[in-house]
All heavy atoms as atom14 arrays in JSON, in Angstrom:
{
  "sequence": "KWSFINRTAPGQKYVVCNSDEGEPGTFKDRDILRFNPHQVIEGMAIAG",
  "atom14_mask": [
    [1, 1, 1, 1, 1, 1, 1, 1, 1, 0, 0, 0, 0, 0],
    [1, 1, 1, 1, 1, 1, 1, 1, 1, 1, 1, 1, 1, 1],
    [1, 1, 1, 1, 1, 1, 0, 0, 0, 0, 0, 0, 0, 0],
    [1, 1, 1, 1, 1, 1, 1, 1, 1, 1, 1, 0, 0, 0],
    [1, 1, 1, 1, 1, 1, 1, 1, 0, 0, 0, 0, 0, 0],
    [1, 1, 1, 1, 1, 1, 1, 1, 0, 0, 0, 0, 0, 0],
    [1, 1, 1, 1, 1, 1, 1, 1, 1, 1, 1, 0, 0, 0],
    [1, 1, 1, 1, 1, 1, 1, 0, 0, 0, 0, 0, 0, 0],
    [1, 1, 1, 1, 1, 0, 0, 0, 0, 0, 0, 0, 0, 0],
    [1, 1, 1, 1, 1, 1, 1, 0, 0, 0, 0, 0, 0, 0],
    [1, 1, 1, 1, 0, 0, 0, 0, 0, 0, 0, 0, 0, 0],
    [1, 1, 1, 1, 1, 1, 1, 1, 1, 0, 0, 0, 0, 0],
    [1, 1, 1, 1, 1, 1, 1, 1, 1, 0, 0, 0, 0, 0],
    [1, 1, 1, 1, 1, 1, 1, 1, 1, 1, 1, 1, 0, 0],
    [1, 1, 1, 1, 1, 1, 1, 0, 0, 0, 0, 0, 0, 0],
    [1, 1, 1, 1, 1, 1, 1, 0, 0, 0, 0, 0, 0, 0],
    [1, 1, 1, 1, 1, 1, 0, 0, 0, 0, 0, 0, 0, 0],
    [1, 1, 1, 1, 1, 1, 1, 1, 0, 0, 0, 0, 0, 0],
    [1, 1, 1, 1, 1, 1, 0, 0, 0, 0, 0, 0, 0, 0],
    [1, 1, 1, 1, 1, 1, 1, 1, 0, 0, 0, 0, 0, 0],
    [1, 1, 1, 1, 1, 1, 1, 1, 1, 0, 0, 0, 0, 0],
    [1, 1, 1, 1, 0, 0, 0, 0, 0, 0, 0, 0, 0, 0],
    [1, 1, 1, 1, 1, 1, 1, 1, 1, 0, 0, 0, 0, 0],
    [1, 1, 1, 1, 1, 1, 1, 0, 0, 0, 0, 0, 0, 0],
    [1, 1, 1, 1, 0, 0, 0, 0, 0, 0, 0, 0, 0, 0],
    [1, 1, 1, 1, 1, 1, 1, 0, 0, 0, 0, 0, 0, 0],
    [1, 1, 1, 1, 1, 1, 1, 1, 1, 1, 1, 0, 0, 0],
    [1, 1, 1, 1, 1, 1, 1, 1, 1, 0, 0, 0, 0, 0],
    [1, 1, 1, 1, 1, 1, 1, 1, 0, 0, 0, 0, 0, 0],
    [1, 1, 1, 1, 1, 1, 1, 1, 1, 1, 1, 0, 0, 0],
    [1, 1, 1, 1, 1, 1, 1, 1, 0, 0, 0, 0, 0, 0],
    [1, 1, 1, 1, 1, 1, 1, 1, 0, 0, 0, 0, 0, 0],
    [1, 1, 1, 1, 1, 1, 1, 1, 0, 0, 0, 0, 0, 0],
    [1, 1, 1, 1, 1, 1, 1, 1, 1, 1, 1, 0, 0, 0],
    [1, 1, 1, 1, 1, 1, 1, 1, 1, 1, 1, 0, 0, 0],
    [1, 1, 1, 1, 1, 1, 1, 1, 0, 0, 0, 0, 0, 0],
    [1, 1, 1, 1, 1, 1, 1, 0, 0, 0, 0, 0, 0, 0],
    [1, 1, 1, 1, 1, 1, 1, 1, 1, 1, 0, 0, 0, 0],
    [1, 1, 1, 1, 1, 1, 1, 1, 1, 0, 0, 0, 0, 0],
    [1, 1, 1, 1, 1, 1, 1, 0, 0, 0, 0, 0, 0, 0],
    [1, 1, 1, 1, 1, 1, 1, 1, 0, 0, 0, 0, 0, 0],
    [1, 1, 1, 1, 1, 1, 1, 1, 1, 0, 0, 0, 0, 0],
    [1, 1, 1, 1, 0, 0, 0, 0, 0, 0, 0, 0, 0, 0],
    [1, 1, 1, 1, 1, 1, 1, 1, 0, 0, 0, 0, 0, 0],
    [1, 1, 1, 1, 1, 0, 0, 0, 0, 0, 0, 0, 0, 0],
    [1, 1, 1, 1, 1, 1, 1, 1, 0, 0, 0, 0, 0, 0],
    [1, 1, 1, 1, 1, 0, 0, 0, 0, 0, 0, 0, 0, 0],
    [1, 1, 1, 1, 0, 0, 0, 0, 0, 0, 0, 0, 0, 0]
  ],
  "atom14_positions": [
    [[0.86, -1.21, 0.0], [-0.01, 0.0, -0.01], [0.84, 1.28, 0.02], [0.55, 2.23, -0.69], [-0.95, -0.01, 1.25], [-1.95, 1.09, 1.16], [-2.81, 1.16, 2.47], [-4.16, 0.55, 2.26], [-5.1, 0.81, 3.38], [0.0, 0.0, 0.0], [0.0, 0.0, 0.0], [0.0, 0.0, 0.0], [0.0, 0.0, 0.0], [0.0, 0.0, 0.0]],
    [[1.93, 1.21, 0.76], [2.8, 2.4, 0.88], [3.6, 2.65, -0.42], [4.16, 3.74, -0.59], [3.78, 2.23, 2.02], [3.15, 2.51, 3.39], [1.83, 2.37, 3.69], [3.77, 2.96, 4.58], [1.6, 2.7, 4.98], [2.81, 3.06, 5.57], [5.12, 3.25, 4.9], [3.07, 3.48, 6.88], [5.4, 3.66, 6.22], [4.38, 3.76, 7.18]],
    [[3.71, 1.63, -1.27], [4.45, 1.82, -2.53], [3.6, 2.39, -3.67], [4.08, 2.66, -4.75], [5.07, 0.45, -2.94], [4.04, -0.46, -3.27], [0.0, 0.0, 0.0], [0.0, 0.0, 0.0], [0.0, 0.0, 0.0], [0.0, 0.0, 0.0], [0.0, 0.0, 0.0], [0.0, 0.0, 0.0], [0.0, 0.0, 0.0], [0.0, 0.0, 0.0]],
    [[2.27, 2.54, -3.4], [1.37, 3.0, -4.47], [1.56, 4.5, -4.8], [1.24, 4.91, -5.9], [-0.1, 2.78, -4.04], [-0.53, 1.33, -4.06], [-1.61, 0.92, -3.33], [0.15, 0.42, -4.82], [-2.03, -0.43, -3.35], [-0.26, -0.93, -4.84], [-1.37, -1.34, -4.09], [0.0, 0.0, 0.0], [0.0, 0.0, 0.0], [0.0, 0.0, 0.0]],
    [[1.97, 5.27, -3.82], [2.06, 6.73, -4.05], [3.49, 7.1, -4.53], [4.49, 6.7, -3.95], [1.7, 7.51, -2.78], [0.16, 7.4, -2.54], [2.1, 8.95, -2.85], [-0.35, 8.2, -1.37], [0.0, 0.0, 0.0], [0.0, 0.0, 0.0], [0.0, 0.0, 0.0], [0.0, 0.0, 0.0], [0.0, 0.0, 0.0], [0.0, 0.0, 0.0]],
    [[3.53, 7.88, -5.56], [4.82, 8.42, -6.05], [5.24, 9.62, -5.18], [4.69, 10.7, -5.31], [4.64, 8.81, -7.53], [5.93, 9.41, -8.09], [7.02, 9.42, -7.41], [5.88, 9.82, -9.33], [0.0, 0.0, 0.0], [0.0, 0.0, 0.0], [0.0, 0.0, 0.0], [0.0, 0.0, 0.0], [0.0, 0.0, 0.0], [0.0, 0.0, 0.0]],
    [[6.21, 9.39, -4.3], [6.57, 10.45, -3.35], [7.22, 11.66, -4.01], [7.23, 12.76, -3.47], [7.48, 9.89, -2.28], [8.94, 9.61, -2.68], [9.73, 8.93, -1.57], [9.78, 9.69, -0.34], [10.72, 10.49, 0.0], [11.74, 10.73, -0.83], [10.73, 11.11, 1.18], [0.0, 0.0, 0.0], [0.0, 0.0, 0.0], [0.0, 0.0, 0.0]],
    [[7.79, 11.49, -5.23], [8.49, 12.59, -5.86], [7.56, 13.44, -6.7], [7.97, 14.49, -7.18], [9.67, 12.07, -6.68], [9.15, 11.13, -7.63], [10.71, 11.42, -5.84], [0.0, 0.0, 0.0], [0.0, 0.0, 0.0], [0.0, 0.0, 0.0], [0.0, 0.0, 0.0], [0.0, 0.0, 0.0], [0.0, 0.0, 0.0], [0.0, 0.0, 0.0]],
    [[6.31, 12.96, -6.9], [5.36, 13.71, -7.73], [5.04, 15.05, -7.02], [4.89, 15.06, -5.77], [4.1, 12.89, -7.97], [0.0, 0.0, 0.0], [0.0, 0.0, 0.0], [0.0, 0.0, 0.0], [0.0, 0.0, 0.0], [0.0, 0.0, 0.0], [0.0, 0.0, 0.0], [0.0, 0.0, 0.0], [0.0, 0.0, 0.0], [0.0, 0.0, 0.0]],
    [[4.92, 16.11, -7.8], [4.64, 17.44, -7.12], [3.21, 17.45, -6.61], [2.34, 16.66, -6.99], [4.82, 18.46, -8.29], [4.57, 17.63, -9.53], [5.09, 16.25, -9.25], [0.0, 0.0, 0.0], [0.0, 0.0, 0.0], [0.0, 0.0, 0.0], [0.0, 0.0, 0.0], [0.0, 0.0, 0.0], [0.0, 0.0, 0.0], [0.0, 0.0, 0.0]],
    [[2.94, 18.39, -5.65], [1.6, 18.56, -5.15], [1.46, 17.98, -3.73], [2.24, 17.17, -3.25], [0.0, 0.0, 0.0], [0.0, 0.0, 0.0], [0.0, 0.0, 0.0], [0.0, 0.0, 0.0], [0.0, 0.0, 0.0], [0.0, 0.0, 0.0], [0.0, 0.0, 0.0], [0.0, 0.0, 0.0], [0.0, 0.0, 0.0], [0.0, 0.0, 0.0]],
    [[0.4, 18.42, -3.09], [0.09, 18.0, -1.7], [-0.31, 16.54, -1.64], [-0.99, 16.02, -2.53], [-1.07, 18.85, -1.18], [-1.47, 18.54, 0.27], [-0.38, 18.92, 1.26], [0.1, 20.03, 1.26], [0.07, 17.97, 2.0], [0.0, 0.0, 0.0], [0.0, 0.0, 0.0], [0.0, 0.0, 0.0], [0.0, 0.0, 0.0], [0.0, 0.0, 0.0]],
    [[0.16, 15.85, -0.6], [-0.26, 14.49, -0.3], [-0.62, 14.4, 1.13], [-0.15, 15.2, 1.95], [0.88, 13.49, -0.67], [1.35, 13.56, -2.11], [2.52, 12.59, -2.29], [3.29, 12.91, -3.56], [4.12, 14.14, -3.4], [0.0, 0.0, 0.0], [0.0, 0.0, 0.0], [0.0, 0.0, 0.0], [0.0, 0.0, 0.0], [0.0, 0.0, 0.0]],
    [[-1.4, 13.39, 1.5], [-1.87, 13.27, 2.88], [-1.71, 11.82, 3.42], [-1.71, 10.83, 2.7], [-3.39, 13.59, 2.98], [-3.71, 15.02, 2.7], [-4.21, 15.4, 1.41], [-3.5, 16.05, 3.61], [-4.52, 16.71, 1.11], [-3.81, 17.36, 3.33], [-4.3, 17.7, 2.07], [-4.57, 19.02, 1.81], [0.0, 0.0, 0.0], [0.0, 0.0, 0.0]],
    [[-1.55, 11.75, 4.75], [-1.55, 10.48, 5.46], [-2.76, 10.55, 6.42], [-2.94, 11.54, 7.12], [-0.24, 10.27, 6.26], [-0.36, 9.13, 7.19], [0.94, 10.09, 5.34], [0.0, 0.0, 0.0], [0.0, 0.0, 0.0], [0.0, 0.0, 0.0], [0.0, 0.0, 0.0], [0.0, 0.0, 0.0], [0.0, 0.0, 0.0], [0.0, 0.0, 0.0]],
    [[-3.54, 9.5, 6.39], [-4.72, 9.46, 7.3], [-4.7, 8.2, 8.13], [-4.43, 7.1, 7.66], [-6.04, 9.49, 6.49], [-7.27, 9.27, 7.34], [-6.16, 10.8, 5.69], [0.0, 0.0, 0.0], [0.0, 0.0, 0.0], [0.0, 0.0, 0.0], [0.0, 0.0, 0.0], [0.0, 0.0, 0.0], [0.0, 0.0, 0.0], [0.0, 0.0, 0.0]],
    [[-4.96, 8.4, 9.42], [-5.07, 7.24, 10.37], [-6.55, 7.04, 10.69], [-7.23, 7.99, 11.08], [-4.28, 7.53, 11.62], [-4.41, 6.19, 12.88], [0.0, 0.0, 0.0], [0.0, 0.0, 0.0], [0.0, 0.0, 0.0], [0.0, 0.0, 0.0], [0.0, 0.0, 0.0], [0.0, 0.0, 0.0], [0.0, 0.0, 0.0], [0.0, 0.0, 0.0]],
    [[-7.04, 5.84, 10.5], [-8.41, 5.5, 10.77], [-8.51, 4.98, 12.19], [-8.32, 3.82, 12.47], [-8.92, 4.43, 9.78], [-10.4, 4.1, 9.93], [-10.99, 4.5, 10.91], [-10.94, 3.41, 9.0], [0.0, 0.0, 0.0], [0.0, 0.0, 0.0], [0.0, 0.0, 0.0], [0.0, 0.0, 0.0], [0.0, 0.0, 0.0], [0.0, 0.0, 0.0]],
    [[-8.87, 5.9, 13.13], [-9.12, 5.54, 14.53], [-10.62, 5.58, 14.87], [-10.98, 5.71, 16.02], [-8.36, 6.52, 15.44], [-6.97, 6.43, 15.23], [0.0, 0.0, 0.0], [0.0, 0.0, 0.0], [0.0, 0.0, 0.0], [0.0, 0.0, 0.0], [0.0, 0.0, 0.0], [0.0, 0.0, 0.0], [0.0, 0.0, 0.0], [0.0, 0.0, 0.0]],
    [[-11.42, 5.45, 13.81], [-12.86, 5.49, 13.96], [-13.34, 4.06, 14.26], [-13.99, 3.41, 13.45], [-13.6, 6.03, 12.71], [-15.04, 6.26, 12.95], [-15.38, 7.04, 13.82], [-15.85, 5.65, 12.21], [0.0, 0.0, 0.0], [0.0, 0.0, 0.0], [0.0, 0.0, 0.0], [0.0, 0.0, 0.0], [0.0, 0.0, 0.0], [0.0, 0.0, 0.0]],
    [[-13.01, 3.58, 15.44], [-13.23, 2.19, 15.78], [-14.7, 1.94, 16.12], [-15.15, 2.17, 17.24], [-12.29, 1.81, 16.99], [-12.3, 0.39, 17.34], [-11.24, 0.13, 18.43], [-11.26, 0.88, 19.44], [-10.45, -0.75, 18.28], [0.0, 0.0, 0.0], [0.0, 0.0, 0.0], [0.0, 0.0, 0.0], [0.0, 0.0, 0.0], [0.0, 0.0, 0.0]],
    [[-15.46, 1.47, 15.12], [-16.88, 1.26, 15.34], [-17.39, -0.16, 15.27], [-18.58, -0.41, 15.52], [0.0, 0.0, 0.0], [0.0, 0.0, 0.0], [0.0, 0.0, 0.0], [0.0, 0.0, 0.0], [0.0, 0.0, 0.0], [0.0, 0.0, 0.0], [0.0, 0.0, 0.0], [0.0, 0.0, 0.0], [0.0, 0.0, 0.0], [0.0, 0.0, 0.0]],
    [[-16.53, -1.07, 14.82], [-16.97, -2.47, 14.69], [-17.34, -3.09, 16.03], [-16.48, -3.12, 16.94], [-15.82, -3.27, 14.03], [-16.13, -4.71, 13.77], [-17.01, -4.92, 12.54], [-17.27, -3.97, 11.8], [-17.43, -6.08, 12.3], [0.0, 0.0, 0.0], [0.0, 0.0, 0.0], [0.0, 0.0, 0.0], [0.0, 0.0, 0.0], [0.0, 0.0, 0.0]],
    [[-18.57, -3.52, 16.22], [-18.96, -4.12, 17.51], [-17.99, -5.28, 17.87], [-17.75, -6.16, 17.06], [-20.39, -4.65, 17.26], [-20.9, -3.74, 16.18], [-19.74, -3.44, 15.29], [0.0, 0.0, 0.0], [0.0, 0.0, 0.0], [0.0, 0.0, 0.0], [0.0, 0.0, 0.0], [0.0, 0.0, 0.0], [0.0, 0.0, 0.0], [0.0, 0.0, 0.0]],
    [[-17.53, -5.24, 19.1], [-16.57, -6.22, 19.6], [-15.15, -5.75, 19.55], [-14.27, -6.42, 20.13], [0.0, 0.0, 0.0], [0.0, 0.0, 0.0], [0.0, 0.0, 0.0], [0.0, 0.0, 0.0], [0.0, 0.0, 0.0], [0.0, 0.0, 0.0], [0.0, 0.0, 0.0], [0.0, 0.0, 0.0], [0.0, 0.0, 0.0], [0.0, 0.0, 0.0]],
    [[-14.86, -4.64, 18.86], [-13.51, -4.17, 18.73], [-13.22, -3.01, 19.74], [-13.95, -2.04, 19.75], [-13.24, -3.62, 17.32], [-13.83, -4.57, 16.38], [-11.78, -3.48, 17.03], [0.0, 0.0, 0.0], [0.0, 0.0, 0.0], [0.0, 0.0, 0.0], [0.0, 0.0, 0.0], [0.0, 0.0, 0.0], [0.0, 0.0, 0.0], [0.0, 0.0, 0.0]],
    [[-12.16, -3.12, 20.51], [-11.8, -2.05, 21.42], [-10.31, -1.97, 21.63], [-9.82, -1.6, 22.7], [-12.55, -2.25, 22.79], [-12.55, -3.69, 23.3], [-11.49, -4.16, 24.07], [-13.59, -4.57, 22.99], [-11.48, -5.44, 24.55], [-13.58, -5.85, 23.49], [-12.53, -6.32, 24.25], [0.0, 0.0, 0.0], [0.0, 0.0, 0.0], [0.0, 0.0, 0.0]],
    [[-9.55, -2.24, 20.6], [-8.1, -2.24, 20.68], [-7.51, -0.83, 20.42], [-6.59, -0.4, 21.1], [-7.47, -3.26, 19.74], [-7.75, -2.95, 18.29], [-7.21, -4.01, 17.35], [-7.53, -3.68, 15.87], [-6.88, -2.51, 15.34], [0.0, 0.0, 0.0], [0.0, 0.0, 0.0], [0.0, 0.0, 0.0], [0.0, 0.0, 0.0], [0.0, 0.0, 0.0]],
    [[-8.02, -0.18, 19.36], [-7.43, 1.12, 18.94], [-7.56, 2.17, 19.98], [-6.65, 2.98, 20.2], [-8.09, 1.61, 17.63], [-7.76, 0.66, 16.43], [-6.76, -0.07, 16.55], [-8.53, 0.64, 15.47], [0.0, 0.0, 0.0], [0.0, 0.0, 0.0], [0.0, 0.0, 0.0], [0.0, 0.0, 0.0], [0.0, 0.0, 0.0], [0.0, 0.0, 0.0]],
    [[-8.69, 2.14, 20.7], [-8.85, 3.16, 21.74], [-7.78, 2.97, 22.87], [-7.31, 3.97, 23.44], [-10.27, 3.12, 22.37], [-10.55, 1.88, 23.2], [-12.04, 1.76, 23.5], [-12.78, 1.34, 22.34], [-14.09, 1.16, 22.31], [-14.83, 1.42, 23.37], [-14.71, 0.81, 21.2], [0.0, 0.0, 0.0], [0.0, 0.0, 0.0], [0.0, 0.0, 0.0]],
    [[-7.39, 1.71, 23.11], [-6.38, 1.49, 24.11], [-4.98, 1.91, 23.62], [-4.14, 2.31, 24.43], [-6.37, 0.01, 24.58], [-7.31, -0.23, 25.73], [-8.04, 0.71, 26.09], [-7.32, -1.38, 26.26], [0.0, 0.0, 0.0], [0.0, 0.0, 0.0], [0.0, 0.0, 0.0], [0.0, 0.0, 0.0], [0.0, 0.0, 0.0], [0.0, 0.0, 0.0]],
    [[-4.71, 1.74, 22.34], [-3.45, 2.22, 21.78], [-3.41, 3.72, 21.93], [-2.38, 4.3, 22.34], [-3.33, 1.81, 20.29], [-3.26, 0.3, 20.15], [-2.02, 2.46, 19.68], [-3.28, -0.18, 18.71], [0.0, 0.0, 0.0], [0.0, 0.0, 0.0], [0.0, 0.0, 0.0], [0.0, 0.0, 0.0], [0.0, 0.0, 0.0], [0.0, 0.0, 0.0]],
    [[-4.48, 4.44, 21.63], [-4.54, 5.9, 21.76], [-4.45, 6.31, 23.2], [-3.88, 7.36, 23.55], [-5.8, 6.43, 21.16], [-6.0, 6.27, 19.64], [-7.35, 6.78, 19.16], [-4.88, 6.91, 18.83], [0.0, 0.0, 0.0], [0.0, 0.0, 0.0], [0.0, 0.0, 0.0], [0.0, 0.0, 0.0], [0.0, 0.0, 0.0], [0.0, 0.0, 0.0]],
    [[-5.01, 5.52, 24.1], [-4.98, 5.83, 25.56], [-3.59, 5.65, 26.16], [-3.16, 6.46, 26.95], [-5.98, 4.94, 26.31], [-7.38, 5.36, 26.33], [-8.25, 4.29, 26.9], [-8.12, 4.15, 28.33], [-8.43, 3.05, 29.01], [-8.85, 1.99, 28.4], [-8.27, 3.03, 30.33], [0.0, 0.0, 0.0], [0.0, 0.0, 0.0], [0.0, 0.0, 0.0]],
    [[-2.94, 4.56, 25.77], [-1.7, 4.18, 26.47], [-0.44, 4.33, 25.67], [0.67, 4.36, 26.25], [-1.82, 2.7, 26.91], [-2.93, 2.43, 27.88], [-3.96, 1.56, 27.56], [-3.01, 3.13, 29.07], [-5.01, 1.34, 28.47], [-4.05, 2.93, 29.97], [-5.04, 2.03, 29.69], [0.0, 0.0, 0.0], [0.0, 0.0, 0.0], [0.0, 0.0, 0.0]],
    [[-0.52, 4.47, 24.3], [0.72, 4.63, 23.53], [0.49, 5.57, 22.32], [0.83, 5.17, 21.2], [1.18, 3.2, 23.07], [2.65, 3.23, 22.71], [3.34, 4.22, 22.84], [3.13, 2.08, 22.19], [0.0, 0.0, 0.0], [0.0, 0.0, 0.0], [0.0, 0.0, 0.0], [0.0, 0.0, 0.0], [0.0, 0.0, 0.0], [0.0, 0.0, 0.0]],
    [[0.01, 6.75, 22.55], [-0.33, 7.61, 21.4], [0.89, 8.05, 20.6], [0.8, 8.23, 19.39], [-1.01, 8.85, 22.05], [-0.53, 8.83, 23.47], [-0.31, 7.41, 23.85], [0.0, 0.0, 0.0], [0.0, 0.0, 0.0], [0.0, 0.0, 0.0], [0.0, 0.0, 0.0], [0.0, 0.0, 0.0], [0.0, 0.0, 0.0], [0.0, 0.0, 0.0]],
    [[2.04, 8.19, 21.29], [3.23, 8.66, 20.56], [3.7, 7.66, 19.52], [4.27, 8.06, 18.49], [4.36, 8.94, 21.59], [4.23, 10.23, 22.29], [4.44, 11.45, 21.65], [3.78, 10.54, 23.55], [4.2, 12.44, 22.52], [3.82, 11.89, 23.66], [0.0, 0.0, 0.0], [0.0, 0.0, 0.0], [0.0, 0.0, 0.0], [0.0, 0.0, 0.0]],
    [[3.44, 6.38, 19.75], [3.87, 5.41, 18.73], [3.03, 5.56, 17.46], [3.52, 5.35, 16.33], [3.76, 3.98, 19.28], [4.6, 2.98, 18.52], [4.94, 1.76, 19.34], [5.51, 1.86, 20.43], [4.59, 0.59, 18.87], [0.0, 0.0, 0.0], [0.0, 0.0, 0.0], [0.0, 0.0, 0.0], [0.0, 0.0, 0.0], [0.0, 0.0, 0.0]],
    [[1.77, 5.91, 17.6], [0.93, 6.2, 16.43], [1.43, 7.43, 15.7], [1.56, 7.44, 14.47], [-0.55, 6.43, 16.82], [-1.44, 6.74, 15.62], [-1.09, 5.23, 17.61], [0.0, 0.0, 0.0], [0.0, 0.0, 0.0], [0.0, 0.0, 0.0], [0.0, 0.0, 0.0], [0.0, 0.0, 0.0], [0.0, 0.0, 0.0], [0.0, 0.0, 0.0]],
    [[1.82, 8.46, 16.45], [2.32, 9.69, 15.86], [3.64, 9.38, 15.11], [3.79, 9.82, 13.93], [2.59, 10.72, 16.95], [1.29, 11.22, 17.58], [3.37, 11.94, 16.41], [1.42, 12.1, 18.82], [0.0, 0.0, 0.0], [0.0, 0.0, 0.0], [0.0, 0.0, 0.0], [0.0, 0.0, 0.0], [0.0, 0.0, 0.0], [0.0, 0.0, 0.0]],
    [[4.52, 8.6, 15.72], [5.78, 8.28, 15.05], [5.52, 7.49, 13.78], [6.13, 7.77, 12.73], [6.72, 7.49, 16.01], [8.04, 7.25, 15.34], [9.07, 6.58, 16.28], [8.7, 6.16, 17.37], [10.26, 6.5, 15.89], [0.0, 0.0, 0.0], [0.0, 0.0, 0.0], [0.0, 0.0, 0.0], [0.0, 0.0, 0.0], [0.0, 0.0, 0.0]],
    [[4.61, 6.52, 13.81], [4.28, 5.68, 12.64], [3.73, 6.58, 11.54], [4.09, 6.45, 10.32], [0.0, 0.0, 0.0], [0.0, 0.0, 0.0], [0.0, 0.0, 0.0], [0.0, 0.0, 0.0], [0.0, 0.0, 0.0], [0.0, 0.0, 0.0], [0.0, 0.0, 0.0], [0.0, 0.0, 0.0], [0.0, 0.0, 0.0], [0.0, 0.0, 0.0]],
    [[2.83, 7.54, 11.89], [2.25, 8.42, 10.85], [3.32, 9.38, 10.28], [3.29, 9.64, 9.06], [1.1, 9.26, 11.49], [-0.13, 8.45, 11.75], [-1.51, 9.49, 12.41], [-1.94, 10.42, 10.93], [0.0, 0.0, 0.0], [0.0, 0.0, 0.0], [0.0, 0.0, 0.0], [0.0, 0.0, 0.0], [0.0, 0.0, 0.0], [0.0, 0.0, 0.0]],
    [[4.23, 9.85, 11.11], [5.26, 10.73, 10.64], [6.2, 10.01, 9.65], [6.55, 10.59, 8.62], [6.1, 11.28, 11.82], [0.0, 0.0, 0.0], [0.0, 0.0, 0.0], [0.0, 0.0, 0.0], [0.0, 0.0, 0.0], [0.0, 0.0, 0.0], [0.0, 0.0, 0.0], [0.0, 0.0, 0.0], [0.0, 0.0, 0.0], [0.0, 0.0, 0.0]],
    [[6.53, 8.77, 9.98], [7.37, 7.94, 9.07], [6.63, 7.74, 7.73], [7.21, 7.83, 6.65], [7.75, 6.61, 9.74], [8.71, 6.84, 10.94], [8.42, 5.67, 8.7], [8.92, 5.68, 11.81], [0.0, 0.0, 0.0], [0.0, 0.0, 0.0], [0.0, 0.0, 0.0], [0.0, 0.0, 0.0], [0.0, 0.0, 0.0], [0.0, 0.0, 0.0]],
    [[5.33, 7.47, 7.83], [4.51, 7.3, 6.6], [4.53, 8.59, 5.78], [4.68, 8.54, 4.52], [3.08, 6.95, 6.97], [0.0, 0.0, 0.0], [0.0, 0.0, 0.0], [0.0, 0.0, 0.0], [0.0, 0.0, 0.0], [0.0, 0.0, 0.0], [0.0, 0.0, 0.0], [0.0, 0.0, 0.0], [0.0, 0.0, 0.0], [0.0, 0.0, 0.0]],
    [[4.42, 9.74, 6.46], [4.48, 11.02, 5.74], [5.8, 11.18, 5.0], [5.83, 11.63, 3.85], [0.0, 0.0, 0.0], [0.0, 0.0, 0.0], [0.0, 0.0, 0.0], [0.0, 0.0, 0.0], [0.0, 0.0, 0.0], [0.0, 0.0, 0.0], [0.0, 0.0, 0.0], [0.0, 0.0, 0.0], [0.0, 0.0, 0.0], [0.0, 0.0, 0.0]]
  ]
}
């Protein structure tokens, strides 16, 4: 997925994190945001 975007192409590009955890039975992402938010930030920055 990360290889699909041409990083050298001109123009604005975006990185989006889907933390909209709505699937019944799922409650993992909220705990990552609660207890380890900086790791999400670092991962998103590296993706950028």
